[in-house]
Amino acid sequence: MPTTRIETADGRAALAVVAAGGAPRAATATAVRYLLQLLDEKAPGNSVEVRVPPFGAVQVVQGPRHTRGTPPNVVEMNAATWISLATGGESWADAVAAGLVSASGTRADLSPLLPLRP
């Protein structure tokens, strides 16, 4: 997670820009990182790594901590998919079925945590 906390107003403003369409890269990056921050607050832990390249990654969900190498539970997707899942625009099951999410490991199902409703 970024060392600088994204303020709620800044995160919501970035999400509004993204929702309006044609968002600049900076707004998309802020929206992604803000939503990852909310996920971290909702499900703190170190057993699942959620990656949204190139904008950010966070380790969440209580459980065994990994310290080196590739974590055993990894979820990866693009920015548009992450924003849609986190805000309720798309369901976890639909995104996984469409191949928009790569999820590996026994703890990699984020459906109980989504949407975040920022």
Protein backbone atom coordinates (compact mmCIF):
# COMPACT_ATOMS: atom_id res chain seq x y z
CA MET A 1 0.00 0.00 0.00
CA PRO A 2 1.25 3.49 -0.68
CA THR A 3 2.84 5.20 2.28
CA THR A 4 0.73 8.31 1.67
CA ARG A 5 -2.90 7.94 2.61
CA ILE A 6 -5.40 9.13 0.01
CA GLU A 7 -7.97 11.41 1.59
CA THR A 8 -11.61 10.44 1.13
CA ALA A 9 -12.46 13.59 -0.83
CA ASP A 10 -9.55 13.04 -3.22
CA GLY A 11 -10.46 9.38 -3.71
CA ARG A 12 -14.11 10.13 -4.37
CA ALA A 13 -13.18 12.93 -6.77
CA ALA A 14 -10.96 10.55 -8.73
CA LEU A 15 -13.74 7.96 -8.85
CA ALA A 16 -16.14 10.60 -10.19
CA VAL A 17 -13.69 11.52 -12.95
CA VAL A 18 -13.26 7.86 -13.88
CA ALA A 19 -17.03 7.30 -13.86
CA ALA A 20 -17.51 10.23 -16.23
CA GLY A 21 -15.27 8.48 -18.78
CA GLY A 22 -12.03 9.41 -20.47
CA ALA A 23 -10.17 9.78 -17.18
CA PRO A 24 -6.53 10.83 -17.28
CA ARG A 25 -3.98 8.31 -16.04
CA ALA A 26 -3.46 10.22 -12.77
CA ALA A 27 -7.15 10.06 -11.88
CA THR A 28 -7.29 6.35 -12.68
CA ALA A 29 -4.21 5.74 -10.53
CA THR A 30 -5.70 7.66 -7.61
CA ALA A 31 -9.03 5.83 -7.92
CA VAL A 32 -7.31 2.42 -8.00
CA ARG A 33 -5.08 3.21 -5.03
CA TYR A 34 -7.97 4.68 -3.06
CA LEU A 35 -10.02 1.52 -3.57
CA LEU A 36 -7.05 -0.68 -2.61
CA GLN A 37 -6.72 1.44 0.52
CA LEU A 38 -10.39 0.84 1.35
CA LEU A 39 -9.94 -2.91 0.82
CA ASP A 40 -6.95 -2.86 3.16
CA GLU A 41 -9.04 -1.07 5.80
CA LYS A 42 -11.92 -3.53 5.38
CA ALA A 43 -9.82 -6.72 5.41
CA PRO A 44 -6.40 -6.07 6.94
CA GLY A 45 -3.93 -8.91 6.79
CA ASN A 46 -1.16 -10.45 4.74
CA SER A 47 -2.47 -13.66 3.19
CA VAL A 48 -3.76 -12.39 -0.17
CA GLU A 49 -1.97 -10.04 -2.54
CA VAL A 50 -4.27 -7.97 -4.75
CA ARG A 51 -2.46 -6.54 -7.76
CA VAL A 52 -3.73 -3.87 -10.15
CA PRO A 53 -0.76 -3.20 -12.41
CA PRO A 54 0.73 -0.74 -12.96
CA PHE A 55 -1.04 1.27 -10.28
CA GLY A 56 -0.75 -0.66 -7.05
CA ALA A 57 -0.87 -3.78 -4.95
CA VAL A 58 -1.90 -4.51 -1.40
CA GLN A 59 -1.77 -7.47 0.94
CA VAL A 60 -5.06 -8.13 2.71
CA VAL A 61 -7.10 -10.79 4.53
CA GLN A 62 -6.11 -12.37 7.82
CA GLY A 63 -4.17 -15.60 7.59
CA PRO A 64 -0.67 -16.92 7.09
CA ARG A 65 1.83 -14.25 6.17
CA HIS A 66 4.24 -14.77 3.32
CA THR A 67 7.62 -13.06 3.40
CA ARG A 68 9.51 -14.02 0.25
CA GLY A 69 8.74 -14.89 -3.33
CA THR A 70 5.32 -15.04 -4.91
CA PRO A 71 2.55 -15.19 -2.33
CA PRO A 72 0.37 -18.33 -2.32
CA ASN A 73 -2.82 -16.30 -2.80
CA VAL A 74 -2.75 -13.74 -5.61
CA VAL A 75 -5.51 -11.78 -7.30
CA GLU A 76 -4.65 -9.68 -10.35
CA MET A 77 -6.73 -7.58 -12.72
CA ASN A 78 -6.62 -4.40 -14.76
CA ALA A 79 -7.68 -1.01 -13.41
CA ALA A 80 -11.08 -0.90 -15.11
CA THR A 81 -12.04 -4.31 -13.73
CA TRP A 82 -10.87 -3.42 -10.22
CA ILE A 83 -12.81 -0.16 -10.18
CA SER A 84 -15.92 -1.90 -11.49
CA LEU A 85 -15.71 -4.72 -8.92
CA ALA A 86 -14.93 -2.41 -6.01
CA THR A 87 -17.77 -0.02 -6.80
CA GLY A 88 -20.40 -2.65 -7.57
CA GLY A 89 -20.48 -2.24 -11.34
CA GLU A 90 -19.65 -5.90 -11.86
CA SER A 91 -19.90 -9.04 -9.75
CA TRP A 92 -16.89 -11.11 -8.74
CA ALA A 93 -18.37 -14.26 -10.31
CA ASP A 94 -19.02 -12.53 -13.64
CA ALA A 95 -15.52 -11.01 -13.78
CA VAL A 96 -13.86 -14.33 -12.98
CA ALA A 97 -16.04 -16.19 -15.51
CA ALA A 98 -15.16 -13.62 -18.19
CA GLY A 99 -11.45 -14.09 -17.51
CA LEU A 100 -11.02 -10.52 -16.28
CA VAL A 101 -9.59 -11.64 -12.95
CA SER A 102 -6.69 -13.97 -12.34
CA ALA A 103 -7.13 -15.52 -8.88
CA SER A 104 -4.98 -18.28 -7.43
CA GLY A 105 -4.87 -19.79 -3.99
CA THR A 106 -7.41 -20.97 -1.47
CA ARG A 107 -8.02 -17.48 -0.05
CA ALA A 108 -8.15 -15.62 -3.37
CA ASP A 109 -11.95 -15.25 -3.53
CA LEU A 110 -12.71 -11.60 -2.78
CA SER A 111 -16.47 -11.89 -3.34
CA PRO A 112 -17.33 -11.58 0.38
CA LEU A 113 -15.44 -8.26 0.50
CA LEU A 114 -16.85 -6.65 -2.65
CA PRO A 115 -18.25 -4.21 -3.50
CA LEU A 116 -16.57 -1.72 -1.19
CA ARG A 117 -19.16 1.02 -1.62
CA PRO A 118 -16.81 3.99 -1.29
